[in-house]
Amino acid sequence: MSEGEASPVVFITGSGRRLGRQLAFAFADGGYDIVLHAHASVEGMAQARQAIEAKGRRAFAVRGDVSRVADLRRMADEALAAAGRLDVLVHNAGTFPEAAFDEVTEEMWDAAQHINTRSIFFLTQACAPALRASKGSVVVIASVGGMQAWRRHIPYNVSKAGAIMLTRALAKELAPAVRVNAVAPGIVLVPGEEERAHPSAERIPLQRYGLPADLAGAVLFLARAPYITGQVLAVDGGTSAAT
């Protein structure tokens, strides 16, 4: 980037905590200014903003409920007003409902679809003019759960399968100006959550769980890859290929 040239800007939903925060740090290290987003994790978002600014990058914060279309449109307006441009949109916010088949409720079903799938469409729609102007890209955080059926996770599986199909549909709709791809992670160990119960790593061909750096590397790659669109990259140590 030449002197005086504006830094690229990435807007990452659900970036006040967990993997979203790690993605924000990785993009900051990669030379991006960051628009952070949180709904409930406001304190975590403020801490992430301070850490990013300490790296010498600009950081902005927007708050909203991604299950509400009105909030998505407002957030897009606020992000662009604050940052002045938008080069990458990362759809990271999500929900992970778990319930036995007979215990799935209408509320659980709707939350999964609204947060994990519908929000991708309407936030992309709201950000599309800015992304077209920058010839930018969209990266969806999907899941291998959108490719595989898991017991006790039907609403989640369906919502992530929808996110994968939506990635492909948006890639066609927004080409050639905007590229749209997805990353489908398997188990990723989040700092501070290493003790959570997970299936044995022996079931994974690469014999280990994923790390935030594994996911971030894939997301950054797709954000920048100029001749890739409509693709879903599994970051799962080979799990999906082995089943």
C-alpha atoms as a PDB file:
ATOM      1  CA  MET A   1       0.000   0.000   0.000  1.00  0.00           C
ATOM      2  CA  SER A   2       1.498   3.318  -1.064  1.00  0.00           C
ATOM      3  CA  GLU A   3       1.837   6.308   1.248  1.00  0.00           C
ATOM      4  CA  GLY A   4      -1.422   8.218   1.574  1.00  0.00           C
ATOM      5  CA  GLU A   5      -3.522   5.316   0.251  1.00  0.00           C
ATOM      6  CA  ALA A   6      -6.464   4.391   2.471  1.00  0.00           C
ATOM      7  CA  SER A   7      -6.214   1.087   4.299  1.00  0.00           C
ATOM      8  CA  PRO A   8      -8.714  -1.620   3.345  1.00  0.00           C
ATOM      9  CA  VAL A   9     -11.630  -2.066   5.733  1.00  0.00           C
ATOM     10  CA  VAL A  10     -13.207  -5.316   6.915  1.00  0.00           C
ATOM     11  CA  PHE A  11     -16.554  -5.574   8.709  1.00  0.00           C
ATOM     12  CA  ILE A  12     -16.768  -8.726  10.871  1.00  0.00           C
ATOM     13  CA  THR A  13     -20.032  -9.679  12.549  1.00  0.00           C
ATOM     14  CA  GLY A  14     -19.887 -11.328  15.946  1.00  0.00           C
ATOM     15  CA  SER A  15     -16.375 -10.010  16.579  1.00  0.00           C
ATOM     16  CA  GLY A  16     -16.682  -9.144  20.261  1.00  0.00           C
ATOM     17  CA  ARG A  17     -15.687 -12.616  21.396  1.00  0.00           C
ATOM     18  CA  ARG A  18     -14.410 -16.051  20.500  1.00  0.00           C
ATOM     19  CA  LEU A  19     -13.419 -16.704  16.871  1.00  0.00           C
ATOM     20  CA  GLY A  20     -14.780 -13.400  15.609  1.00  0.00           C
ATOM     21  CA  ARG A  21     -12.375 -11.515  17.829  1.00  0.00           C
ATOM     22  CA  GLN A  22      -9.481 -13.700  16.664  1.00  0.00           C
ATOM     23  CA  LEU A  23     -10.422 -12.979  13.044  1.00  0.00           C
ATOM     24  CA  ALA A  24     -10.442  -9.254  13.788  1.00  0.00           C
ATOM     25  CA  PHE A  25      -6.927  -9.458  15.241  1.00  0.00           C
ATOM     26  CA  ALA A  26      -5.703 -11.428  12.216  1.00  0.00           C
ATOM     27  CA  PHE A  27      -7.113  -8.885   9.768  1.00  0.00           C
ATOM     28  CA  ALA A  28      -5.564  -6.054  11.788  1.00  0.00           C
ATOM     29  CA  ASP A  29      -2.194  -7.800  11.599  1.00  0.00           C
ATOM     30  CA  GLY A  30      -2.803  -8.127   7.852  1.00  0.00           C
ATOM     31  CA  GLY A  31      -3.113  -4.373   7.383  1.00  0.00           C
ATOM     32  CA  TYR A  32      -6.873  -3.886   7.590  1.00  0.00           C
ATOM     33  CA  ASP A  33      -8.899  -1.396   9.565  1.00  0.00           C
ATOM     34  CA  ILE A  34     -11.718  -3.151  11.404  1.00  0.00           C
ATOM     35  CA  VAL A  35     -15.421  -2.590  11.900  1.00  0.00           C
ATOM     36  CA  LEU A  36     -16.317  -4.705  14.918  1.00  0.00           C
ATOM     37  CA  HIS A  37     -19.825  -5.877  15.723  1.00  0.00           C
ATOM     38  CA  ALA A  38     -21.500  -7.294  18.794  1.00  0.00           C
ATOM     39  CA  HIS A  39     -24.994  -7.761  20.107  1.00  0.00           C
ATOM     40  CA  ALA A  40     -24.523  -8.811  23.737  1.00  0.00           C
ATOM     41  CA  SER A  41     -20.701  -8.946  23.930  1.00  0.00           C
ATOM     42  CA  VAL A  42     -20.286  -5.175  24.152  1.00  0.00           C
ATOM     43  CA  GLU A  43     -17.518  -5.247  26.764  1.00  0.00           C
ATOM     44  CA  GLY A  44     -15.559  -7.770  24.728  1.00  0.00           C
ATOM     45  CA  MET A  45     -15.970  -5.620  21.633  1.00  0.00           C
ATOM     46  CA  ALA A  46     -14.613  -2.589  23.504  1.00  0.00           C
ATOM     47  CA  GLN A  47     -11.583  -4.611  24.627  1.00  0.00           C
ATOM     48  CA  ALA A  48     -11.008  -5.849  21.079  1.00  0.00           C
ATOM     49  CA  ARG A  49     -11.218  -2.294  19.784  1.00  0.00           C
ATOM     50  CA  GLN A  50      -8.546  -1.155  22.215  1.00  0.00           C
ATOM     51  CA  ALA A  51      -6.281  -4.046  21.251  1.00  0.00           C
ATOM     52  CA  ILE A  52      -6.661  -3.323  17.535  1.00  0.00           C
ATOM     53  CA  GLU A  53      -5.968   0.369  17.985  1.00  0.00           C
ATOM     54  CA  ALA A  54      -2.851  -0.591  19.966  1.00  0.00           C
ATOM     55  CA  LYS A  55      -1.677  -2.355  16.809  1.00  0.00           C
ATOM     56  CA  GLY A  56      -1.890   0.976  14.975  1.00  0.00           C
ATOM     57  CA  ARG A  57      -5.067   0.168  13.061  1.00  0.00           C
ATOM     58  CA  ARG A  58      -8.354   2.047  13.035  1.00  0.00           C
ATOM     59  CA  ALA A  59     -11.219   0.232  14.750  1.00  0.00           C
ATOM     60  CA  PHE A  60     -14.914   1.057  14.856  1.00  0.00           C
ATOM     61  CA  ALA A  61     -17.796  -0.561  16.701  1.00  0.00           C
ATOM     62  CA  VAL A  62     -21.423  -1.166  15.773  1.00  0.00           C
ATOM     63  CA  ARG A  63     -24.020  -2.936  17.854  1.00  0.00           C
ATOM     64  CA  GLY A  64     -27.125  -4.768  16.709  1.00  0.00           C
ATOM     65  CA  ASP A  65     -29.150  -7.964  16.531  1.00  0.00           C
ATOM     66  CA  VAL A  66     -28.363  -9.795  13.289  1.00  0.00           C
ATOM     67  CA  SER A  67     -31.716 -11.600  13.482  1.00  0.00           C
ATOM     68  CA  ARG A  68     -33.431  -8.246  12.796  1.00  0.00           C
ATOM     69  CA  VAL A  69     -33.274  -6.941   9.232  1.00  0.00           C
ATOM     70  CA  ALA A  70     -33.722  -3.340  10.378  1.00  0.00           C
ATOM     71  CA  ASP A  71     -30.637  -3.700  12.593  1.00  0.00           C
ATOM     72  CA  LEU A  72     -28.614  -5.150   9.718  1.00  0.00           C
ATOM     73  CA  ARG A  73     -29.426  -2.202   7.484  1.00  0.00           C
ATOM     74  CA  ARG A  74     -28.637   0.296  10.227  1.00  0.00           C
ATOM     75  CA  MET A  75     -25.353  -1.449  11.008  1.00  0.00           C
ATOM     76  CA  ALA A  76     -24.307  -1.303   7.365  1.00  0.00           C
ATOM     77  CA  ASP A  77     -25.008   2.427   7.268  1.00  0.00           C
ATOM     78  CA  GLU A  78     -23.086   3.007  10.509  1.00  0.00           C
ATOM     79  CA  ALA A  79     -20.115   0.930   9.364  1.00  0.00           C
ATOM     80  CA  LEU A  80     -19.761   2.814   6.104  1.00  0.00           C
ATOM     81  CA  ALA A  81     -20.260   6.205   7.760  1.00  0.00           C
ATOM     82  CA  ALA A  82     -17.565   5.432  10.317  1.00  0.00           C
ATOM     83  CA  ALA A  83     -14.967   3.753   8.099  1.00  0.00           C
ATOM     84  CA  GLY A  84     -15.638   5.544   4.829  1.00  0.00           C
ATOM     85  CA  ARG A  85     -15.304   2.412   2.705  1.00  0.00           C
ATOM     86  CA  LEU A  86     -15.765  -1.345   2.836  1.00  0.00           C
ATOM     87  CA  ASP A  87     -13.531  -3.936   1.206  1.00  0.00           C
ATOM     88  CA  VAL A  88     -14.387  -7.189   2.978  1.00  0.00           C
ATOM     89  CA  LEU A  89     -17.518  -8.392   4.778  1.00  0.00           C
ATOM     90  CA  VAL A  90     -17.123 -11.438   7.029  1.00  0.00           C
ATOM     91  CA  HIS A  91     -20.311 -13.124   8.220  1.00  0.00           C
ATOM     92  CA  ASN A  92     -19.186 -14.702  11.476  1.00  0.00           C
ATOM     93  CA  ALA A  93     -22.114 -14.176  13.876  1.00  0.00           C
ATOM     94  CA  GLY A  94     -23.962 -17.392  14.539  1.00  0.00           C
ATOM     95  CA  THR A  95     -25.917 -19.557  16.921  1.00  0.00           C
ATOM     96  CA  PHE A  96     -25.404 -23.251  17.713  1.00  0.00           C
ATOM     97  CA  PRO A  97     -28.654 -24.767  18.975  1.00  0.00           C
ATOM     98  CA  GLU A  98     -28.636 -28.346  20.203  1.00  0.00           C
ATOM     99  CA  ALA A  99     -31.752 -30.350  20.981  1.00  0.00           C
ATOM    100  CA  ALA A 100     -33.233 -33.781  20.504  1.00  0.00           C
ATOM    101  CA  PHE A 101     -35.621 -34.092  17.552  1.00  0.00           C
ATOM    102  CA  ASP A 102     -38.739 -34.053  19.772  1.00  0.00           C
ATOM    103  CA  GLU A 103     -37.477 -31.010  21.688  1.00  0.00           C
ATOM    104  CA  VAL A 104     -36.826 -28.641  18.783  1.00  0.00           C
ATOM    105  CA  THR A 105     -39.041 -25.562  19.130  1.00  0.00           C
ATOM    106  CA  GLU A 106     -40.281 -23.032  16.626  1.00  0.00           C
ATOM    107  CA  GLU A 107     -38.217 -20.362  18.360  1.00  0.00           C
ATOM    108  CA  MET A 108     -35.063 -22.476  18.132  1.00  0.00           C
ATOM    109  CA  TRP A 109     -35.672 -23.185  14.444  1.00  0.00           C
ATOM    110  CA  ASP A 110     -36.356 -19.546  13.577  1.00  0.00           C
ATOM    111  CA  ALA A 111     -33.321 -18.265  15.499  1.00  0.00           C
ATOM    112  CA  ALA A 112     -31.007 -20.627  13.619  1.00  0.00           C
ATOM    113  CA  GLN A 113     -32.376 -19.623  10.225  1.00  0.00           C
ATOM    114  CA  HIS A 114     -32.505 -15.896  10.964  1.00  0.00           C
ATOM    115  CA  ILE A 115     -29.043 -15.641  12.517  1.00  0.00           C
ATOM    116  CA  ASN A 116     -27.105 -18.244  10.533  1.00  0.00           C
ATOM    117  CA  THR A 117     -28.685 -17.758   7.097  1.00  0.00           C
ATOM    118  CA  ARG A 118     -31.058 -14.838   6.621  1.00  0.00           C
ATOM    119  CA  SER A 119     -28.656 -12.304   8.137  1.00  0.00           C
ATOM    120  CA  ILE A 120     -26.068 -13.178   5.484  1.00  0.00           C
ATOM    121  CA  PHE A 121     -28.414 -12.207   2.679  1.00  0.00           C
ATOM    122  CA  PHE A 122     -29.729  -8.957   4.106  1.00  0.00           C
ATOM    123  CA  LEU A 123     -26.423  -7.631   5.436  1.00  0.00           C
ATOM    124  CA  THR A 124     -24.751  -8.426   2.118  1.00  0.00           C
ATOM    125  CA  GLN A 125     -27.608  -6.677   0.338  1.00  0.00           C
ATOM    126  CA  ALA A 126     -27.127  -3.588   2.508  1.00  0.00           C
ATOM    127  CA  CYS A 127     -23.339  -3.578   2.030  1.00  0.00           C
ATOM    128  CA  ALA A 128     -23.367  -4.420  -1.685  1.00  0.00           C
ATOM    129  CA  PRO A 129     -23.054  -0.830  -3.017  1.00  0.00           C
ATOM    130  CA  ALA A 130     -19.900  -0.233  -0.970  1.00  0.00           C
ATOM    131  CA  LEU A 131     -18.471  -3.653  -1.868  1.00  0.00           C
ATOM    132  CA  ARG A 132     -19.141  -3.055  -5.564  1.00  0.00           C
ATOM    133  CA  ALA A 133     -17.382   0.296  -5.342  1.00  0.00           C
ATOM    134  CA  SER A 134     -14.252  -1.311  -3.840  1.00  0.00           C
ATOM    135  CA  LYS A 135     -14.498  -4.522  -5.919  1.00  0.00           C
ATOM    136  CA  GLY A 136     -14.446  -6.258  -2.583  1.00  0.00           C
ATOM    137  CA  SER A 137     -15.304  -9.655  -1.244  1.00  0.00           C
ATOM    138  CA  VAL A 138     -17.564 -11.497   1.167  1.00  0.00           C
ATOM    139  CA  VAL A 139     -16.504 -14.451   3.315  1.00  0.00           C
ATOM    140  CA  VAL A 140     -19.153 -16.551   5.042  1.00  0.00           C
ATOM    141  CA  ILE A 141     -18.235 -18.614   8.090  1.00  0.00           C
ATOM    142  CA  ALA A 142     -20.250 -21.729   7.347  1.00  0.00           C
ATOM    143  CA  SER A 143     -19.559 -25.114   8.952  1.00  0.00           C
ATOM    144  CA  VAL A 144     -18.900 -28.717   8.081  1.00  0.00           C
ATOM    145  CA  GLY A 145     -22.287 -29.043   9.793  1.00  0.00           C
ATOM    146  CA  GLY A 146     -23.717 -27.645   6.571  1.00  0.00           C
ATOM    147  CA  MET A 147     -22.283 -30.639   4.718  1.00  0.00           C
ATOM    148  CA  GLN A 148     -22.916 -33.380   7.267  1.00  0.00           C
ATOM    149  CA  ALA A 149     -25.993 -34.379   9.270  1.00  0.00           C
ATOM    150  CA  TRP A 150     -25.390 -34.389  13.021  1.00  0.00           C
ATOM    151  CA  ARG A 151     -27.694 -35.865  15.638  1.00  0.00           C
ATOM    152  CA  ARG A 152     -29.369 -33.250  17.882  1.00  0.00           C
ATOM    153  CA  HIS A 153     -28.468 -30.379  15.526  1.00  0.00           C
ATOM    154  CA  ILE A 154     -31.114 -30.312  12.794  1.00  0.00           C
ATOM    155  CA  PRO A 155     -31.847 -26.531  12.890  1.00  0.00           C
ATOM    156  CA  TYR A 156     -28.113 -25.804  12.856  1.00  0.00           C
ATOM    157  CA  ASN A 157     -27.389 -28.258  10.037  1.00  0.00           C
ATOM    158  CA  VAL A 158     -30.168 -26.816   7.894  1.00  0.00           C
ATOM    159  CA  SER A 159     -29.150 -23.217   8.548  1.00  0.00           C
ATOM    160  CA  LYS A 160     -25.507 -23.854   7.665  1.00  0.00           C
ATOM    161  CA  ALA A 161     -26.468 -25.791   4.548  1.00  0.00           C
ATOM    162  CA  GLY A 162     -28.491 -22.731   3.618  1.00  0.00           C
ATOM    163  CA  ALA A 163     -25.462 -20.529   4.237  1.00  0.00           C
ATOM    164  CA  ILE A 164     -23.431 -22.654   1.822  1.00  0.00           C
ATOM    165  CA  MET A 165     -26.047 -22.465  -0.919  1.00  0.00           C
ATOM    166  CA  LEU A 166     -26.464 -18.750  -0.279  1.00  0.00           C
ATOM    167  CA  THR A 167     -22.701 -18.312  -0.743  1.00  0.00           C
ATOM    168  CA  ARG A 168     -22.926 -19.866  -4.194  1.00  0.00           C
ATOM    169  CA  ALA A 169     -26.035 -17.921  -5.160  1.00  0.00           C
ATOM    170  CA  LEU A 170     -24.581 -14.588  -4.014  1.00  0.00           C
ATOM    171  CA  ALA A 171     -21.350 -15.301  -5.889  1.00  0.00           C
ATOM    172  CA  LYS A 172     -23.304 -15.531  -9.141  1.00  0.00           C
ATOM    173  CA  GLU A 173     -25.545 -12.594  -8.313  1.00  0.00           C
ATOM    174  CA  LEU A 174     -22.715 -10.196  -7.374  1.00  0.00           C
ATOM    175  CA  ALA A 175     -20.134 -11.200  -9.990  1.00  0.00           C
ATOM    176  CA  PRO A 176     -18.020  -9.799 -11.484  1.00  0.00           C
ATOM    177  CA  ALA A 177     -17.646  -6.896  -9.047  1.00  0.00           C
ATOM    178  CA  VAL A 178     -17.828  -8.772  -5.733  1.00  0.00           C
ATOM    179  CA  ARG A 179     -16.461 -12.202  -4.873  1.00  0.00           C
ATOM    180  CA  VAL A 180     -18.317 -14.391  -2.355  1.00  0.00           C
ATOM    181  CA  ASN A 181     -16.802 -17.480  -0.720  1.00  0.00           C
ATOM    182  CA  ALA A 182     -17.228 -19.504   2.457  1.00  0.00           C
ATOM    183  CA  VAL A 183     -15.056 -21.262   4.994  1.00  0.00           C
ATOM    184  CA  ALA A 184     -16.490 -24.384   6.616  1.00  0.00           C
ATOM    185  CA  PRO A 185     -14.592 -25.034   9.854  1.00  0.00           C
ATOM    186  CA  GLY A 186     -14.662 -28.211  11.859  1.00  0.00           C
ATOM    187  CA  ILE A 187     -13.727 -28.149  15.547  1.00  0.00           C
ATOM    188  CA  VAL A 188     -11.679 -25.037  16.310  1.00  0.00           C
ATOM    189  CA  LEU A 189     -10.234 -24.586  19.797  1.00  0.00           C
ATOM    190  CA  VAL A 190     -10.949 -21.079  21.054  1.00  0.00           C
ATOM    191  CA  PRO A 191      -8.541 -19.549  23.605  1.00  0.00           C
ATOM    192  CA  GLY A 192      -9.958 -20.090  27.082  1.00  0.00           C
ATOM    193  CA  GLU A 193     -12.208 -22.961  25.979  1.00  0.00           C
ATOM    194  CA  GLU A 194      -9.631 -25.699  25.552  1.00  0.00           C
ATOM    195  CA  GLU A 195     -11.230 -27.818  28.274  1.00  0.00           C
ATOM    196  CA  ARG A 196     -14.618 -28.077  26.574  1.00  0.00           C
ATOM    197  CA  ALA A 197     -15.645 -31.600  25.616  1.00  0.00           C
ATOM    198  CA  HIS A 198     -14.976 -32.468  21.952  1.00  0.00           C
ATOM    199  CA  PRO A 199     -14.980 -35.676  19.926  1.00  0.00           C
ATOM    200  CA  SER A 200     -11.589 -37.372  19.956  1.00  0.00           C
ATOM    201  CA  ALA A 201      -8.950 -35.782  17.729  1.00  0.00           C
ATOM    202  CA  GLU A 202      -8.097 -39.314  16.614  1.00  0.00           C
ATOM    203  CA  ARG A 203     -11.179 -39.136  14.373  1.00  0.00           C
ATOM    204  CA  ILE A 204      -9.578 -36.265  12.443  1.00  0.00           C
ATOM    205  CA  PRO A 205      -7.172 -37.306   9.655  1.00  0.00           C
ATOM    206  CA  LEU A 206      -4.637 -34.635  10.670  1.00  0.00           C
ATOM    207  CA  GLN A 207      -4.913 -35.853  14.294  1.00  0.00           C
ATOM    208  CA  ARG A 208      -5.515 -32.456  15.888  1.00  0.00           C
ATOM    209  CA  TYR A 209      -8.183 -29.832  16.386  1.00  0.00           C
ATOM    210  CA  GLY A 210      -8.161 -26.600  14.460  1.00  0.00           C
ATOM    211  CA  LEU A 211      -6.710 -23.389  15.841  1.00  0.00           C
ATOM    212  CA  PRO A 212      -7.928 -19.817  15.289  1.00  0.00           C
ATOM    213  CA  ALA A 213      -4.876 -19.233  13.074  1.00  0.00           C
ATOM    214  CA  ASP A 214      -6.024 -22.062  10.783  1.00  0.00           C
ATOM    215  CA  LEU A 215      -9.404 -20.442  10.299  1.00  0.00           C
ATOM    216  CA  ALA A 216      -7.995 -16.924  10.002  1.00  0.00           C
ATOM    217  CA  GLY A 217      -5.493 -17.982   7.356  1.00  0.00           C
ATOM    218  CA  ALA A 218      -8.262 -19.441   5.201  1.00  0.00           C
ATOM    219  CA  VAL A 219     -10.511 -16.394   5.640  1.00  0.00           C
ATOM    220  CA  LEU A 220      -7.715 -13.963   4.755  1.00  0.00           C
ATOM    221  CA  PHE A 221      -6.798 -16.062   1.730  1.00  0.00           C
ATOM    222  CA  LEU A 222     -10.347 -16.019   0.370  1.00  0.00           C
ATOM    223  CA  ALA A 223     -10.767 -12.331   1.157  1.00  0.00           C
ATOM    224  CA  ARG A 224      -7.811 -11.550  -1.103  1.00  0.00           C
ATOM    225  CA  ALA A 225      -7.966 -14.286  -3.770  1.00  0.00           C
ATOM    226  CA  PRO A 226      -8.790 -12.383  -6.982  1.00  0.00           C
ATOM    227  CA  TYR A 227      -9.930 -15.332  -9.117  1.00  0.00           C
ATOM    228  CA  ILE A 228     -11.931 -17.413  -6.634  1.00  0.00           C
ATOM    229  CA  THR A 229     -15.658 -17.024  -6.056  1.00  0.00           C
ATOM    230  CA  GLY A 230     -18.556 -19.279  -5.152  1.00  0.00           C
ATOM    231  CA  GLN A 231     -16.323 -21.751  -3.314  1.00  0.00           C
ATOM    232  CA  VAL A 232     -16.577 -23.415   0.096  1.00  0.00           C
ATOM    233  CA  LEU A 233     -13.244 -24.251   1.736  1.00  0.00           C
ATOM    234  CA  ALA A 234     -13.422 -26.875   4.483  1.00  0.00           C
ATOM    235  CA  VAL A 235     -10.960 -26.135   7.306  1.00  0.00           C
ATOM    236  CA  ASP A 236     -11.473 -29.312   9.285  1.00  0.00           C
ATOM    237  CA  GLY A 237      -8.258 -31.338   9.219  1.00  0.00           C
ATOM    238  CA  GLY A 238      -9.729 -33.612   6.560  1.00  0.00           C
ATOM    239  CA  THR A 239     -12.821 -34.671   8.515  1.00  0.00           C
ATOM    240  CA  SER A 240     -15.328 -33.976   5.754  1.00  0.00           C
ATOM    241  CA  ALA A 241     -13.173 -35.744   3.163  1.00  0.00           C
ATOM    242  CA  ALA A 242     -12.892 -38.835   5.329  1.00  0.00           C
ATOM    243  CA  THR A 243     -16.639 -39.386   5.848  1.00  0.00           C
END
